[in-house]
């Protein structure tokens, strides 16, 4: 208990992200970024667990490009569709036939309508022309032929709903699957429409069922089709008001013997507003279909879409019309007729593929209904999210405050892993889709807050000691300043300078294996080498901060080429640390490396501090950016990271752009670079590597992920362990799965220091 009291500020700081996460989980403050991350997690989990097996019960007759080349552009004349229907029902003996195509307009391709106009016009009663036309009418009336082919068959036609200010109704809707009274008047979750485009009455009356093909009432936030509605409410003209079924549900019910369907409700927080729990499909073997409040279900995708996806058998419509299938080849199957030809615009973005055939979405719905393989977001998902955030947050707040830094890291990783594992188990074994994004973000923020508090509190004593012994103008420039003392003043002024932050990586691990005296000797050795290089290039050592040294160029003595001097010093410092690292590795000690941040800009320089202790130092936004760049260098696995202003002031070096970043505390994105060598010293291989890398970054900025991956592949093959190459390979692979963002400026946000 005393330990908890001693660490209460750290616990409170850690609990702040927990409170923010709770407001999101409870719905008081919804962040689109977190919701989109939940989408990505769901998509990744779905792709990882898809069966990727063939379902032979459902066959897709595909109006593909070869079929269009064989029989002409779409829509085909209805006599061809009549032949197609007869072939599928009579010769192939399909059990149920579903059309994911529309038959809204009459077919005038035969010319019958024009012949009748002529018979009623100038050719009326001429040589029996009228009688001849009527004799030909049965053969030329393609719509009637198609209606005859459909009549008496177990077939369902597709139609679509619309919502406009001026409702428009075309064709004939079937009878609604449910009356308006089936749902409570207060239930407003089901999508409502006031217009439709349906099949011609002759076709609608020839089939027992029809279903709407609308997938979502409005596009999801990222345009990816994850859920499909099973019911929709129609309130418009020229058809009965009620709840209509989707094409997938209509075909499924027909395959099960056309049982009735009814909504099942559960009590909600408001007694007047019961919650829609499922749809009950009655019959010999009753089935409960879990749905959300909009009567939609999450589509249980089997695998990638298309004929090559391997989820459903595909048969070209041309092959069916040409009679290439053996008789009875589709006996007892559910057959869906749809189009995958790109020009017919029935391709959707789904978690299983960016260009997924719309007809196969219906097939996946039917397959999932037949198998009972239906993921669902339960009505208690919000409560689960709140409970997980609270439990994990309290564990982290108390545990990390009492543990050592290394143990706290392990606790954070274990907590995140446990949350993800539980989420995956619920999905795999119970088909429950639970939120996860806000929990993971909370863990990351709580860990960062806890570690930051510890770091800054513990570092305060170091900063105080550094200021106590740093009240001096660097002696290496005193002689030069004494030559013209009138030119120099300790008064603060704004000046363009170049500032450097240099930090040793791996120092903490190394220090754990050293005695205090040995550690002191090591630091003195390293700092002596680095300080000598800084002084040799006219730099001013500002201060030493633990295992970090800060320096700047251009003051107190004005130096026009301060950026070039700082860059050259950074390159030599990196070499010096590598030499030290080689020596320590040879002696069996852990290795160390260096992280250097460089920035050139206007900053305030002068004598600053208190009455007790003062120091000649630099402050300002440009200084903060250099500090951020030093911290970011490790993210990219490079030793030196410089800003675009430093690169512009040092044109005699070969530069490699690393990224475009938006660091903590800054709104404006900046380009960051790695100096390779002086141009005069750079060899052809280095220049070729930088050129190829620049082309890859250009493709990355243009969101041309495939080109970026192709350009990166040779670099990654040459140096597969390079952190920078691995980082971009992961970025490109991840972004290739996402839709392009028109607002993306190519910048990466880093919210930590």
Foldseek 3Di string as FASTA:
>chain_A
DVLCVVLVVLLVLLCPLLVVLLCCLLPNDPDVVLVVVLVVVVLVLLQVPFQLAADAQEEEAAQAPVVCVVQHDPPGQLLLVLLLLCLCCPFQNAQEEEEPDAAQDAGCVLVLVVQCVVCVPPCPVPVCSNVVSVVCVVVSRSVVSNLVSLAPHRYAYEKAFAADPDAEETADADAALFAPVLFQPPQDQAAEGAYIRHHHPSNNVRHPYYAYLDADPDADPFQARFKGAQWHFYDYPDHHTGIHGHSLVSRLCSLQVNFHKGWDWAADPDNSHTFTAFIWGDDPDIDTGGDGSNRMFGQSDNAAADCVSNHYHYHHSNCSSVVVDHGNPNRSHYYYYDYLYVVVPQFGHHSRHHGHGSSVSSVSSNVCRVVVLTADADPCLSVVSSVLSVVLSSCLSVVLSPDDPVVSVVSLVVSLVVLVVVQSCCCVPVSYHHRRSSSNVSSVSSSQSSVVVVVVVVQPVLVVVFQLPAQDWPPLCPVVCVVPVVVFDQDKDKDKKKKKKKAKPPLVVQVVPDDPVVNVVVLVVLVVVLVVLCSVLQKTFFTDRPRMTMIMPCPPPGDLLRLQSVLVSLVVSQVVLVVVQVVCVVVVTDGMGMFMFMEIDIWMFGWDDDPNGIHTDTDDPRNVRSVQRSVCCVQQQHRYKYWPVSCVSNVQFDKAWQFWAAEAPGDDITIIIDTDGGPVPDDPVVVVVSVLNVVLLVCLQVLVLVVNCVSLVVVCVVPVPRSSSVVVNVVSVVSVSGDDDPPDRRYYYDNHD
